[in-house]
PDB file of all heavy atoms in Angstrom:
ATOM      1  N   ILE A   1      -5.900   3.667 -10.880  1.00  0.00           N
ATOM      2  CA  ILE A   1      -7.320   3.577 -11.180  1.00  0.00           C
ATOM      3  C   ILE A   1      -7.793   2.120 -11.034  1.00  0.00           C
ATOM      4  O   ILE A   1      -8.844   1.802 -10.475  1.00  0.00           O
ATOM      5  CB  ILE A   1      -7.609   4.135 -12.576  1.00  0.00           C
ATOM      6  CG1 ILE A   1      -7.418   5.660 -12.609  1.00  0.00           C
ATOM      7  CG2 ILE A   1      -9.051   3.793 -13.025  1.00  0.00           C
ATOM      8  CD1 ILE A   1      -7.460   6.251 -13.983  1.00  0.00           C
ATOM      9  N   GLU A   2      -6.977   1.184 -11.569  1.00  0.00           N
ATOM     10  CA  GLU A   2      -7.338  -0.235 -11.517  1.00  0.00           C
ATOM     11  C   GLU A   2      -7.438  -0.704 -10.090  1.00  0.00           C
ATOM     12  O   GLU A   2      -8.331  -1.485  -9.730  1.00  0.00           O
ATOM     13  CB  GLU A   2      -6.292  -1.076 -12.273  1.00  0.00           C
ATOM     14  CG  GLU A   2      -6.314  -0.888 -13.799  1.00  0.00           C
ATOM     15  CD  GLU A   2      -7.656  -1.333 -14.392  1.00  0.00           C
ATOM     16  OE1 GLU A   2      -8.164  -2.361 -13.979  1.00  0.00           O
ATOM     17  OE2 GLU A   2      -8.147  -0.575 -15.235  1.00  0.00           O
ATOM     18  N   PHE A   3      -6.524  -0.231  -9.209  1.00  0.00           N
ATOM     19  CA  PHE A   3      -6.612  -0.654  -7.822  1.00  0.00           C
ATOM     20  C   PHE A   3      -7.813  -0.057  -7.132  1.00  0.00           C
ATOM     21  O   PHE A   3      -8.542  -0.723  -6.382  1.00  0.00           O
ATOM     22  CB  PHE A   3      -5.320  -0.230  -7.083  1.00  0.00           C
ATOM     23  CG  PHE A   3      -5.293  -0.650  -5.628  1.00  0.00           C
ATOM     24  CD1 PHE A   3      -4.863  -1.945  -5.295  1.00  0.00           C
ATOM     25  CD2 PHE A   3      -5.727   0.169  -4.626  1.00  0.00           C
ATOM     26  CE1 PHE A   3      -4.850  -2.369  -3.984  1.00  0.00           C
ATOM     27  CE2 PHE A   3      -5.699  -0.231  -3.296  1.00  0.00           C
ATOM     28  CZ  PHE A   3      -5.277  -1.508  -2.953  1.00  0.00           C
ATOM     29  N   ASN A   4      -8.077   1.200  -7.372  1.00  0.00           N
ATOM     30  CA  ASN A   4      -9.207   1.897  -6.749  1.00  0.00           C
ATOM     31  C   ASN A   4     -10.573   1.277  -7.177  1.00  0.00           C
ATOM     32  O   ASN A   4     -11.546   1.381  -6.439  1.00  0.00           O
ATOM     33  CB  ASN A   4      -9.187   3.385  -7.003  1.00  0.00           C
ATOM     34  CG  ASN A   4      -8.070   4.086  -6.259  1.00  0.00           C
ATOM     35  OD1 ASN A   4      -7.723   3.660  -5.126  1.00  0.00           O
ATOM     36  ND2 ASN A   4      -7.502   5.137  -6.858  1.00  0.00           N
ATOM     37  N   LYS A   5     -10.622   0.718  -8.355  1.00  0.00           N
ATOM     38  CA  LYS A   5     -11.843   0.059  -8.779  1.00  0.00           C
ATOM     39  C   LYS A   5     -12.213  -1.121  -7.838  1.00  0.00           C
ATOM     40  O   LYS A   5     -13.367  -1.392  -7.643  1.00  0.00           O
ATOM     41  CB  LYS A   5     -11.681  -0.500 -10.190  1.00  0.00           C
ATOM     42  CG  LYS A   5     -11.703   0.580 -11.287  1.00  0.00           C
ATOM     43  CD  LYS A   5     -11.530  -0.097 -12.648  1.00  0.00           C
ATOM     44  CE  LYS A   5     -11.530   0.942 -13.770  1.00  0.00           C
ATOM     45  NZ  LYS A   5     -11.289   0.316 -15.111  1.00  0.00           N
ATOM     46  N   LEU A   6     -11.164  -1.775  -7.292  1.00  0.00           N
ATOM     47  CA  LEU A   6     -11.389  -2.948  -6.445  1.00  0.00           C
ATOM     48  C   LEU A   6     -11.072  -2.721  -4.987  1.00  0.00           C
ATOM     49  O   LEU A   6     -11.199  -3.655  -4.179  1.00  0.00           O
ATOM     50  CB  LEU A   6     -10.536  -4.125  -6.973  1.00  0.00           C
ATOM     51  CG  LEU A   6     -10.782  -4.562  -8.394  1.00  0.00           C
ATOM     52  CD1 LEU A   6      -9.728  -5.587  -8.816  1.00  0.00           C
ATOM     53  CD2 LEU A   6     -12.158  -5.168  -8.550  1.00  0.00           C
ATOM     54  N   ARG A   7     -10.700  -1.510  -4.652  1.00  0.00           N
ATOM     55  CA  ARG A   7     -10.274  -1.257  -3.234  1.00  0.00           C
ATOM     56  C   ARG A   7     -11.379  -1.591  -2.229  1.00  0.00           C
ATOM     57  O   ARG A   7     -11.142  -2.272  -1.228  1.00  0.00           O
ATOM     58  CB  ARG A   7      -9.831   0.222  -3.093  1.00  0.00           C
ATOM     59  CG  ARG A   7      -9.368   0.568  -1.707  1.00  0.00           C
ATOM     60  CD  ARG A   7      -9.214   2.062  -1.506  1.00  0.00           C
ATOM     61  NE  ARG A   7      -8.144   2.592  -2.279  1.00  0.00           N
ATOM     62  CZ  ARG A   7      -6.898   2.773  -1.840  1.00  0.00           C
ATOM     63  NH1 ARG A   7      -6.590   2.377  -0.600  1.00  0.00           N
ATOM     64  NH2 ARG A   7      -5.950   3.266  -2.603  1.00  0.00           N
ATOM     65  N   ALA A   8     -12.588  -1.117  -2.499  1.00  0.00           N
ATOM     66  CA  ALA A   8     -13.670  -1.285  -1.521  1.00  0.00           C
ATOM     67  C   ALA A   8     -14.120  -2.717  -1.344  1.00  0.00           C
ATOM     68  O   ALA A   8     -14.462  -3.123  -0.258  1.00  0.00           O
ATOM     69  CB  ALA A   8     -14.926  -0.413  -1.956  1.00  0.00           C
ATOM     70  N   THR A   9     -14.050  -3.514  -2.401  1.00  0.00           N
ATOM     71  CA  THR A   9     -14.490  -4.887  -2.327  1.00  0.00           C
ATOM     72  C   THR A   9     -13.382  -5.893  -2.043  1.00  0.00           C
ATOM     73  O   THR A   9     -13.571  -6.830  -1.212  1.00  0.00           O
ATOM     74  CB  THR A   9     -15.187  -5.281  -3.649  1.00  0.00           C
ATOM     75  OG1 THR A   9     -14.281  -5.058  -4.720  1.00  0.00           O
ATOM     76  CG2 THR A   9     -16.432  -4.420  -3.866  1.00  0.00           C
ATOM     77  N   ALA A  10     -12.264  -5.722  -2.698  1.00  0.00           N
ATOM     78  CA  ALA A  10     -11.201  -6.729  -2.543  1.00  0.00           C
ATOM     79  C   ALA A  10     -10.182  -6.347  -1.502  1.00  0.00           C
ATOM     80  O   ALA A  10      -9.566  -7.243  -0.872  1.00  0.00           O
ATOM     81  CB  ALA A  10     -10.487  -6.942  -3.912  1.00  0.00           C
ATOM     82  N   PHE A  11      -9.922  -5.052  -1.333  1.00  0.00           N
ATOM     83  CA  PHE A  11      -8.840  -4.627  -0.371  1.00  0.00           C
ATOM     84  C   PHE A  11      -9.336  -3.573   0.552  1.00  0.00           C
ATOM     85  O   PHE A  11      -8.835  -2.418   0.584  1.00  0.00           O
ATOM     86  CB  PHE A  11      -7.626  -4.115  -1.171  1.00  0.00           C
ATOM     87  CG  PHE A  11      -7.188  -5.032  -2.266  1.00  0.00           C
ATOM     88  CD1 PHE A  11      -7.504  -4.725  -3.618  1.00  0.00           C
ATOM     89  CD2 PHE A  11      -6.495  -6.194  -2.037  1.00  0.00           C
ATOM     90  CE1 PHE A  11      -7.111  -5.544  -4.645  1.00  0.00           C
ATOM     91  CE2 PHE A  11      -6.108  -7.010  -3.074  1.00  0.00           C
ATOM     92  CZ  PHE A  11      -6.412  -6.703  -4.389  1.00  0.00           C
ATOM     93  N   PRO A  12     -10.396  -3.828   1.375  1.00  0.00           N
ATOM     94  CA  PRO A  12     -10.963  -2.771   2.185  1.00  0.00           C
ATOM     95  C   PRO A  12     -10.014  -2.261   3.297  1.00  0.00           C
ATOM     96  O   PRO A  12     -10.133  -1.122   3.732  1.00  0.00           O
ATOM     97  CB  PRO A  12     -12.211  -3.458   2.768  1.00  0.00           C
ATOM     98  CG  PRO A  12     -11.909  -4.868   2.731  1.00  0.00           C
ATOM     99  CD  PRO A  12     -11.089  -5.107   1.535  1.00  0.00           C
ATOM    100  N   ASN A  13      -9.160  -3.117   3.780  1.00  0.00           N
ATOM    101  CA  ASN A  13      -8.288  -2.749   4.917  1.00  0.00           C
ATOM    102  C   ASN A  13      -6.828  -2.450   4.486  1.00  0.00           C
ATOM    103  O   ASN A  13      -5.949  -2.335   5.322  1.00  0.00           O
ATOM    104  CB  ASN A  13      -8.261  -3.892   5.947  1.00  0.00           C
ATOM    105  CG  ASN A  13      -9.662  -4.183   6.490  1.00  0.00           C
ATOM    106  OD1 ASN A  13     -10.414  -3.253   6.740  1.00  0.00           O
ATOM    107  ND2 ASN A  13      -9.955  -5.465   6.651  1.00  0.00           N
ATOM    108  N   ALA A  14      -6.612  -2.387   3.141  1.00  0.00           N
ATOM    109  CA  ALA A  14      -5.245  -2.211   2.657  1.00  0.00           C
ATOM    110  C   ALA A  14      -4.905  -0.744   2.460  1.00  0.00           C
ATOM    111  O   ALA A  14      -5.784   0.134   2.284  1.00  0.00           O
ATOM    112  CB  ALA A  14      -5.081  -2.979   1.339  1.00  0.00           C
ATOM    113  N   TYR A  15      -3.610  -0.436   2.513  1.00  0.00           N
ATOM    114  CA  TYR A  15      -3.082   0.877   2.200  1.00  0.00           C
ATOM    115  C   TYR A  15      -2.400   0.794   0.809  1.00  0.00           C
ATOM    116  O   TYR A  15      -1.581  -0.122   0.566  1.00  0.00           O
ATOM    117  CB  TYR A  15      -2.072   1.304   3.257  1.00  0.00           C
ATOM    118  CG  TYR A  15      -1.255   2.534   2.802  1.00  0.00           C
ATOM    119  CD1 TYR A  15      -1.767   3.833   2.901  1.00  0.00           C
ATOM    120  CD2 TYR A  15       0.032   2.343   2.263  1.00  0.00           C
ATOM    121  CE1 TYR A  15      -1.014   4.915   2.464  1.00  0.00           C
ATOM    122  CE2 TYR A  15       0.771   3.427   1.812  1.00  0.00           C
ATOM    123  CZ  TYR A  15       0.248   4.710   1.938  1.00  0.00           C
ATOM    124  OH  TYR A  15       0.968   5.794   1.498  1.00  0.00           O
ATOM    125  N   PHE A  16      -2.745   1.727  -0.061  1.00  0.00           N
ATOM    126  CA  PHE A  16      -2.073   1.802  -1.377  1.00  0.00           C
ATOM    127  C   PHE A  16      -1.950   3.291  -1.697  1.00  0.00           C
ATOM    128  O   PHE A  16      -2.936   4.002  -1.853  1.00  0.00           O
ATOM    129  CB  PHE A  16      -2.946   1.104  -2.431  1.00  0.00           C
ATOM    130  CG  PHE A  16      -2.288   1.107  -3.805  1.00  0.00           C
ATOM    131  CD1 PHE A  16      -1.228   0.291  -4.092  1.00  0.00           C
ATOM    132  CD2 PHE A  16      -2.751   1.973  -4.759  1.00  0.00           C
ATOM    133  CE1 PHE A  16      -0.608   0.280  -5.327  1.00  0.00           C
ATOM    134  CE2 PHE A  16      -2.137   2.022  -6.041  1.00  0.00           C
ATOM    135  CZ  PHE A  16      -1.086   1.162  -6.285  1.00  0.00           C
ATOM    136  N   GLY A  17      -0.681   3.704  -1.786  1.00  0.00           N
ATOM    137  CA  GLY A  17      -0.455   5.152  -2.008  1.00  0.00           C
ATOM    138  C   GLY A  17       0.914   5.382  -2.597  1.00  0.00           C
ATOM    139  O   GLY A  17       1.779   4.501  -2.670  1.00  0.00           O
ATOM    140  N   LYS A  18       1.105   6.634  -3.014  1.00  0.00           N
ATOM    141  CA  LYS A  18       2.395   7.055  -3.586  1.00  0.00           C
ATOM    142  C   LYS A  18       3.492   7.006  -2.565  1.00  0.00           C
ATOM    143  O   LYS A  18       3.301   7.286  -1.386  1.00  0.00           O
ATOM    144  CB  LYS A  18       2.236   8.458  -4.166  1.00  0.00           C
ATOM    145  CG  LYS A  18       1.338   8.535  -5.375  1.00  0.00           C
ATOM    146  CD  LYS A  18       2.022   8.115  -6.638  1.00  0.00           C
ATOM    147  CE  LYS A  18       3.105   9.084  -7.064  1.00  0.00           C
ATOM    148  NZ  LYS A  18       3.773   8.653  -8.328  1.00  0.00           N
ATOM    149  N   ASP A  19       4.687   6.661  -2.996  1.00  0.00           N
ATOM    150  CA  ASP A  19       5.864   6.726  -2.147  1.00  0.00           C
ATOM    151  C   ASP A  19       6.506   8.100  -2.337  1.00  0.00           C
ATOM    152  O   ASP A  19       7.198   8.332  -3.348  1.00  0.00           O
ATOM    153  CB  ASP A  19       6.848   5.617  -2.526  1.00  0.00           C
ATOM    154  CG  ASP A  19       8.093   5.624  -1.689  1.00  0.00           C
ATOM    155  OD1 ASP A  19       8.055   6.278  -0.607  1.00  0.00           O
ATOM    156  OD2 ASP A  19       9.087   5.042  -2.102  1.00  0.00           O
ATOM    157  N   ASN A  20       6.275   8.966  -1.371  1.00  0.00           N
ATOM    158  CA  ASN A  20       6.766  10.359  -1.448  1.00  0.00           C
ATOM    159  C   ASN A  20       8.015  10.584  -0.601  1.00  0.00           C
ATOM    160  O   ASN A  20       8.475  11.742  -0.487  1.00  0.00           O
ATOM    161  CB  ASN A  20       5.666  11.333  -1.047  1.00  0.00           C
ATOM    162  CG  ASN A  20       4.485  11.258  -2.013  1.00  0.00           C
ATOM    163  OD1 ASN A  20       4.652  11.183  -3.251  1.00  0.00           O
ATOM    164  ND2 ASN A  20       3.275  11.287  -1.477  1.00  0.00           N
ATOM    165  N   ASP A  21       8.481   9.566   0.057  1.00  0.00           N
ATOM    166  CA  ASP A  21       9.646   9.676   0.933  1.00  0.00           C
ATOM    167  C   ASP A  21      10.917   9.496   0.096  1.00  0.00           C
ATOM    168  O   ASP A  21      11.323   8.395  -0.250  1.00  0.00           O
ATOM    169  CB  ASP A  21       9.572   8.668   2.054  1.00  0.00           C
ATOM    170  CG  ASP A  21      10.690   8.881   3.099  1.00  0.00           C
ATOM    171  OD1 ASP A  21      11.430   9.828   2.944  1.00  0.00           O
ATOM    172  OD2 ASP A  21      10.798   8.018   4.012  1.00  0.00           O
ATOM    173  N   ALA A  22      11.596  10.643  -0.178  1.00  0.00           N
ATOM    174  CA  ALA A  22      12.843  10.619  -0.954  1.00  0.00           C
ATOM    175  C   ALA A  22      14.037  11.000  -0.146  1.00  0.00           C
ATOM    176  O   ALA A  22      15.039  11.515  -0.665  1.00  0.00           O
ATOM    177  CB  ALA A  22      12.716  11.487  -2.204  1.00  0.00           C
ATOM    178  N   ARG A  23      13.975  10.806   1.193  1.00  0.00           N
ATOM    179  CA  ARG A  23      15.062  11.213   2.056  1.00  0.00           C
ATOM    180  C   ARG A  23      16.365  10.452   1.754  1.00  0.00           C
ATOM    181  O   ARG A  23      17.461  10.998   1.980  1.00  0.00           O
ATOM    182  CB  ARG A  23      14.676  11.012   3.509  1.00  0.00           C
ATOM    183  CG  ARG A  23      13.601  11.999   4.033  1.00  0.00           C
ATOM    184  CD  ARG A  23      13.195  11.631   5.417  1.00  0.00           C
ATOM    185  NE  ARG A  23      12.565  10.314   5.524  1.00  0.00           N
ATOM    186  CZ  ARG A  23      12.137   9.780   6.666  1.00  0.00           C
ATOM    187  NH1 ARG A  23      12.329  10.402   7.804  1.00  0.00           N
ATOM    188  NH2 ARG A  23      11.559   8.582   6.611  1.00  0.00           N
ATOM    189  N   THR A  24      16.270   9.234   1.283  1.00  0.00           N
ATOM    190  CA  THR A  24      17.450   8.443   0.999  1.00  0.00           C
ATOM    191  C   THR A  24      18.016   8.713  -0.390  1.00  0.00           C
ATOM    192  O   THR A  24      18.975   8.059  -0.801  1.00  0.00           O
ATOM    193  CB  THR A  24      17.138   6.952   1.136  1.00  0.00           C
ATOM    194  OG1 THR A  24      16.090   6.595   0.268  1.00  0.00           O
ATOM    195  CG2 THR A  24      16.728   6.645   2.572  1.00  0.00           C
ATOM    196  N   GLY A  25      17.372   9.591  -1.152  1.00  0.00           N
ATOM    197  CA  GLY A  25      17.843   9.914  -2.505  1.00  0.00           C
ATOM    198  C   GLY A  25      17.084   9.234  -3.616  1.00  0.00           C
ATOM    199  O   GLY A  25      17.310   9.575  -4.783  1.00  0.00           O
ATOM    200  N   SER A  26      16.188   8.297  -3.290  1.00  0.00           N
ATOM    201  CA  SER A  26      15.390   7.614  -4.339  1.00  0.00           C
ATOM    202  C   SER A  26      14.106   7.170  -3.663  1.00  0.00           C
ATOM    203  O   SER A  26      13.957   7.084  -2.440  1.00  0.00           O
ATOM    204  CB  SER A  26      16.128   6.418  -4.897  1.00  0.00           C
ATOM    205  OG  SER A  26      16.326   5.444  -3.909  1.00  0.00           O
ATOM    206  N   LYS A  27      13.099   6.893  -4.518  1.00  0.00           N
ATOM    207  CA  LYS A  27      11.810   6.461  -4.037  1.00  0.00           C
ATOM    208  C   LYS A  27      11.118   5.623  -5.141  1.00  0.00           C
ATOM    209  O   LYS A  27      11.451   5.736  -6.311  1.00  0.00           O
ATOM    210  CB  LYS A  27      10.942   7.577  -3.587  1.00  0.00           C
ATOM    211  CG  LYS A  27      10.543   8.548  -4.719  1.00  0.00           C
ATOM    212  CD  LYS A  27       9.740   9.705  -4.226  1.00  0.00           C
ATOM    213  CE  LYS A  27       9.294  10.641  -5.394  1.00  0.00           C
ATOM    214  NZ  LYS A  27       8.317   9.937  -6.269  1.00  0.00           N
ATOM    215  N   GLY A  28      10.206   4.772  -4.668  1.00  0.00           N
ATOM    216  CA  GLY A  28       9.416   4.000  -5.636  1.00  0.00           C
ATOM    217  C   GLY A  28       8.227   4.771  -6.080  1.00  0.00           C
ATOM    218  O   GLY A  28       8.124   6.003  -5.804  1.00  0.00           O
ATOM    219  N   ASP A  29       7.278   4.127  -6.764  1.00  0.00           N
ATOM    220  CA  ASP A  29       6.072   4.801  -7.229  1.00  0.00           C
ATOM    221  C   ASP A  29       4.922   4.619  -6.255  1.00  0.00           C
ATOM    222  O   ASP A  29       4.253   5.565  -5.860  1.00  0.00           O
ATOM    223  CB  ASP A  29       5.689   4.328  -8.633  1.00  0.00           C
ATOM    224  CG  ASP A  29       6.645   4.806  -9.681  1.00  0.00           C
ATOM    225  OD1 ASP A  29       7.182   5.925  -9.508  1.00  0.00           O
ATOM    226  OD2 ASP A  29       6.924   4.113 -10.662  1.00  0.00           O
ATOM    227  N   PHE A  30       4.653   3.363  -5.873  1.00  0.00           N
ATOM    228  CA  PHE A  30       3.529   3.024  -4.968  1.00  0.00           C
ATOM    229  C   PHE A  30       4.011   2.006  -3.947  1.00  0.00           C
ATOM    230  O   PHE A  30       4.904   1.200  -4.190  1.00  0.00           O
ATOM    231  CB  PHE A  30       2.346   2.498  -5.754  1.00  0.00           C
ATOM    232  CG  PHE A  30       1.610   3.511  -6.565  1.00  0.00           C
ATOM    233  CD1 PHE A  30       1.892   3.681  -7.909  1.00  0.00           C
ATOM    234  CD2 PHE A  30       0.636   4.310  -5.990  1.00  0.00           C
ATOM    235  CE1 PHE A  30       1.211   4.615  -8.656  1.00  0.00           C
ATOM    236  CE2 PHE A  30      -0.023   5.240  -6.748  1.00  0.00           C
ATOM    237  CZ  PHE A  30       0.248   5.424  -8.085  1.00  0.00           C
ATOM    238  N   ILE A  31       3.330   2.054  -2.790  1.00  0.00           N
ATOM    239  CA  ILE A  31       3.556   1.066  -1.764  1.00  0.00           C
ATOM    240  C   ILE A  31       2.195   0.483  -1.339  1.00  0.00           C
ATOM    241  O   ILE A  31       1.234   1.251  -1.098  1.00  0.00           O
ATOM    242  CB  ILE A  31       4.219   1.677  -0.490  1.00  0.00           C
ATOM    243  CG1 ILE A  31       5.637   2.126  -0.832  1.00  0.00           C
ATOM    244  CG2 ILE A  31       4.261   0.649   0.677  1.00  0.00           C
ATOM    245  CD1 ILE A  31       6.376   2.804   0.335  1.00  0.00           C
ATOM    246  N   PHE A  32       2.147  -0.813  -1.282  1.00  0.00           N
ATOM    247  CA  PHE A  32       0.924  -1.549  -0.856  1.00  0.00           C
ATOM    248  C   PHE A  32       1.212  -2.231   0.468  1.00  0.00           C
ATOM    249  O   PHE A  32       2.220  -2.949   0.609  1.00  0.00           O
ATOM    250  CB  PHE A  32       0.513  -2.571  -1.889  1.00  0.00           C
ATOM    251  CG  PHE A  32      -0.598  -3.493  -1.448  1.00  0.00           C
ATOM    252  CD1 PHE A  32      -1.915  -3.123  -1.695  1.00  0.00           C
ATOM    253  CD2 PHE A  32      -0.365  -4.672  -0.806  1.00  0.00           C
ATOM    254  CE1 PHE A  32      -2.975  -3.947  -1.263  1.00  0.00           C
ATOM    255  CE2 PHE A  32      -1.385  -5.511  -0.388  1.00  0.00           C
ATOM    256  CZ  PHE A  32      -2.694  -5.113  -0.610  1.00  0.00           C
ATOM    257  N   ARG A  33       0.362  -1.983   1.471  1.00  0.00           N
ATOM    258  CA  ARG A  33       0.519  -2.587   2.772  1.00  0.00           C
ATOM    259  C   ARG A  33      -0.870  -3.044   3.290  1.00  0.00           C
ATOM    260  O   ARG A  33      -1.881  -2.380   3.014  1.00  0.00           O
ATOM    261  CB  ARG A  33       1.142  -1.634   3.833  1.00  0.00           C
ATOM    262  CG  ARG A  33       2.561  -1.208   3.485  1.00  0.00           C
ATOM    263  CD  ARG A  33       3.116  -0.337   4.585  1.00  0.00           C
ATOM    264  NE  ARG A  33       4.388   0.243   4.229  1.00  0.00           N
ATOM    265  CZ  ARG A  33       5.580  -0.371   4.433  1.00  0.00           C
ATOM    266  NH1 ARG A  33       5.595  -1.588   4.920  1.00  0.00           N
ATOM    267  NH2 ARG A  33       6.686   0.253   4.079  1.00  0.00           N
ATOM    268  N   GLU A  34      -0.865  -4.153   4.045  1.00  0.00           N
ATOM    269  CA  GLU A  34      -2.097  -4.618   4.652  1.00  0.00           C
ATOM    270  C   GLU A  34      -1.771  -5.377   5.944  1.00  0.00           C
ATOM    271  O   GLU A  34      -0.775  -6.077   6.002  1.00  0.00           O
ATOM    272  CB  GLU A  34      -2.881  -5.559   3.730  1.00  0.00           C
ATOM    273  CG  GLU A  34      -4.284  -5.870   4.269  1.00  0.00           C
ATOM    274  CD  GLU A  34      -5.161  -6.561   3.245  1.00  0.00           C
ATOM    275  OE1 GLU A  34      -4.721  -6.737   2.105  1.00  0.00           O
ATOM    276  OE2 GLU A  34      -6.293  -6.909   3.591  1.00  0.00           O
ATOM    277  N   ALA A  35      -2.587  -5.110   6.973  1.00  0.00           N
ATOM    278  CA  ALA A  35      -2.413  -5.709   8.281  1.00  0.00           C
ATOM    279  C   ALA A  35      -3.710  -6.341   8.756  1.00  0.00           C
ATOM    280  O   ALA A  35      -4.794  -6.069   8.228  1.00  0.00           O
ATOM    281  CB  ALA A  35      -1.964  -4.659   9.295  1.00  0.00           C
ATOM    282  N   ASP A  36      -3.586  -7.254   9.756  1.00  0.00           N
ATOM    283  CA  ASP A  36      -4.775  -7.895  10.274  1.00  0.00           C
ATOM    284  C   ASP A  36      -5.440  -7.034  11.308  1.00  0.00           C
ATOM    285  O   ASP A  36      -5.045  -5.867  11.532  1.00  0.00           O
ATOM    286  CB  ASP A  36      -4.430  -9.283  10.849  1.00  0.00           C
ATOM    287  CG  ASP A  36      -3.448  -9.159  12.023  1.00  0.00           C
ATOM    288  OD1 ASP A  36      -3.053  -8.021  12.364  1.00  0.00           O
ATOM    289  OD2 ASP A  36      -3.114 -10.226  12.610  1.00  0.00           O
ATOM    290  N   ALA A  37      -6.474  -7.544  11.983  1.00  0.00           N
ATOM    291  CA  ALA A  37      -7.240  -6.769  12.934  1.00  0.00           C
ATOM    292  C   ALA A  37      -6.407  -6.343  14.141  1.00  0.00           C
ATOM    293  O   ALA A  37      -6.625  -5.267  14.757  1.00  0.00           O
ATOM    294  CB  ALA A  37      -8.467  -7.538  13.435  1.00  0.00           C
ATOM    295  N   SER A  38      -5.377  -7.109  14.482  1.00  0.00           N
ATOM    296  CA  SER A  38      -4.525  -6.775  15.619  1.00  0.00           C
ATOM    297  C   SER A  38      -3.397  -5.815  15.253  1.00  0.00           C
ATOM    298  O   SER A  38      -2.634  -5.400  16.124  1.00  0.00           O
ATOM    299  CB  SER A  38      -3.908  -8.056  16.198  1.00  0.00           C
ATOM    300  OG  SER A  38      -3.074  -8.674  15.253  1.00  0.00           O
ATOM    301  N   GLY A  39      -3.315  -5.453  13.975  1.00  0.00           N
ATOM    302  CA  GLY A  39      -2.298  -4.549  13.540  1.00  0.00           C
ATOM    303  C   GLY A  39      -1.030  -5.163  13.049  1.00  0.00           C
ATOM    304  O   GLY A  39      -0.045  -4.475  12.720  1.00  0.00           O
ATOM    305  N   THR A  40      -1.010  -6.485  12.954  1.00  0.00           N
ATOM    306  CA  THR A  40       0.177  -7.193  12.471  1.00  0.00           C
ATOM    307  C   THR A  40       0.221  -7.133  10.921  1.00  0.00           C
ATOM    308  O   THR A  40      -0.664  -7.619  10.273  1.00  0.00           O
ATOM    309  CB  THR A  40       0.169  -8.636  12.917  1.00  0.00           C
ATOM    310  OG1 THR A  40       0.125  -8.725  14.361  1.00  0.00           O
ATOM    311  CG2 THR A  40       1.424  -9.386  12.414  1.00  0.00           C
ATOM    312  N   GLU A  41       1.273  -6.488  10.398  1.00  0.00           N
ATOM    313  CA  GLU A  41       1.376  -6.414   8.939  1.00  0.00           C
ATOM    314  C   GLU A  41       1.784  -7.734   8.351  1.00  0.00           C
ATOM    315  O   GLU A  41       2.793  -8.319   8.796  1.00  0.00           O
ATOM    316  CB  GLU A  41       2.414  -5.319   8.589  1.00  0.00           C
ATOM    317  CG  GLU A  41       2.552  -5.098   7.095  1.00  0.00           C
ATOM    318  CD  GLU A  41       3.577  -4.006   6.760  1.00  0.00           C
ATOM    319  OE1 GLU A  41       3.298  -2.819   6.993  1.00  0.00           O
ATOM    320  OE2 GLU A  41       4.644  -4.408   6.319  1.00  0.00           O
ATOM    321  N   PHE A  42       1.033  -8.205   7.361  1.00  0.00           N
ATOM    322  CA  PHE A  42       1.343  -9.489   6.792  1.00  0.00           C
ATOM    323  C   PHE A  42       1.725  -9.436   5.294  1.00  0.00           C
ATOM    324  O   PHE A  42       2.112 -10.456   4.736  1.00  0.00           O
ATOM    325  CB  PHE A  42       0.153 -10.482   6.964  1.00  0.00           C
ATOM    326  CG  PHE A  42      -1.125 -10.026   6.283  1.00  0.00           C
ATOM    327  CD1 PHE A  42      -1.360 -10.397   4.986  1.00  0.00           C
ATOM    328  CD2 PHE A  42      -2.076  -9.293   6.954  1.00  0.00           C
ATOM    329  CE1 PHE A  42      -2.535 -10.053   4.311  1.00  0.00           C
ATOM    330  CE2 PHE A  42      -3.241  -8.945   6.327  1.00  0.00           C
ATOM    331  CZ  PHE A  42      -3.466  -9.297   5.024  1.00  0.00           C
ATOM    332  N   ILE A  43       1.637  -8.253   4.689  1.00  0.00           N
ATOM    333  CA  ILE A  43       2.028  -8.125   3.297  1.00  0.00           C
ATOM    334  C   ILE A  43       2.426  -6.682   3.037  1.00  0.00           C
ATOM    335  O   ILE A  43       1.755  -5.750   3.476  1.00  0.00           O
ATOM    336  CB  ILE A  43       0.891  -8.578   2.317  1.00  0.00           C
ATOM    337  CG1 ILE A  43       1.321  -8.467   0.865  1.00  0.00           C
ATOM    338  CG2 ILE A  43      -0.373  -7.795   2.598  1.00  0.00           C
ATOM    339  CD1 ILE A  43       2.403  -9.403   0.479  1.00  0.00           C
ATOM    340  N   SER A  44       3.495  -6.480   2.266  1.00  0.00           N
ATOM    341  CA  SER A  44       3.905  -5.133   1.832  1.00  0.00           C
ATOM    342  C   SER A  44       4.672  -5.276   0.537  1.00  0.00           C
ATOM    343  O   SER A  44       5.505  -6.149   0.390  1.00  0.00           O
ATOM    344  CB  SER A  44       4.820  -4.497   2.908  1.00  0.00           C
ATOM    345  OG  SER A  44       5.929  -5.291   3.165  1.00  0.00           O
ATOM    346  N   ILE A  45       4.303  -4.362  -0.390  1.00  0.00           N
ATOM    347  CA  ILE A  45       4.851  -4.501  -1.786  1.00  0.00           C
ATOM    348  C   ILE A  45       5.308  -3.072  -2.217  1.00  0.00           C
ATOM    349  O   ILE A  45       4.539  -2.132  -2.103  1.00  0.00           O
ATOM    350  CB  ILE A  45       3.826  -5.021  -2.771  1.00  0.00           C
ATOM    351  CG1 ILE A  45       3.208  -6.323  -2.265  1.00  0.00           C
ATOM    352  CG2 ILE A  45       4.498  -5.258  -4.135  1.00  0.00           C
ATOM    353  CD1 ILE A  45       2.081  -6.841  -3.130  1.00  0.00           C
ATOM    354  N   MET A  46       6.534  -3.005  -2.741  1.00  0.00           N
ATOM    355  CA  MET A  46       7.017  -1.751  -3.335  1.00  0.00           C
ATOM    356  C   MET A  46       6.836  -1.902  -4.868  1.00  0.00           C
ATOM    357  O   MET A  46       7.274  -2.863  -5.489  1.00  0.00           O
ATOM    358  CB  MET A  46       8.473  -1.552  -3.016  1.00  0.00           C
ATOM    359  CG  MET A  46       9.159  -0.461  -3.812  1.00  0.00           C
ATOM    360  SD  MET A  46       8.497   1.197  -3.480  1.00  0.00           S
ATOM    361  CE  MET A  46       9.090   1.464  -1.778  1.00  0.00           C
ATOM    362  N   PHE A  47       6.123  -0.924  -5.451  1.00  0.00           N
ATOM    363  CA  PHE A  47       5.858  -0.923  -6.888  1.00  0.00           C
ATOM    364  C   PHE A  47       6.674   0.158  -7.602  1.00  0.00           C
ATOM    365  O   PHE A  47       6.791   1.268  -7.074  1.00  0.00           O
ATOM    366  CB  PHE A  47       4.328  -0.657  -7.202  1.00  0.00           C
ATOM    367  CG  PHE A  47       3.474  -1.876  -6.900  1.00  0.00           C
ATOM    368  CD1 PHE A  47       2.759  -1.959  -5.718  1.00  0.00           C
ATOM    369  CD2 PHE A  47       3.360  -2.893  -7.829  1.00  0.00           C
ATOM    370  CE1 PHE A  47       1.974  -3.075  -5.432  1.00  0.00           C
ATOM    371  CE2 PHE A  47       2.571  -4.002  -7.577  1.00  0.00           C
ATOM    372  CZ  PHE A  47       1.871  -4.102  -6.393  1.00  0.00           C
TER     373      PHE A  47
END
């Protein structure tokens, strides 16, 4: 909820969602990723 409050203004081009990939036997809660206009990812965070 806290992230979605600021998504439109502070992080309009960012991805923030649940980590549902448990193929390796474990998974995190959320993943944050953001890339520039050319598609180069410059930040990614596992929460």
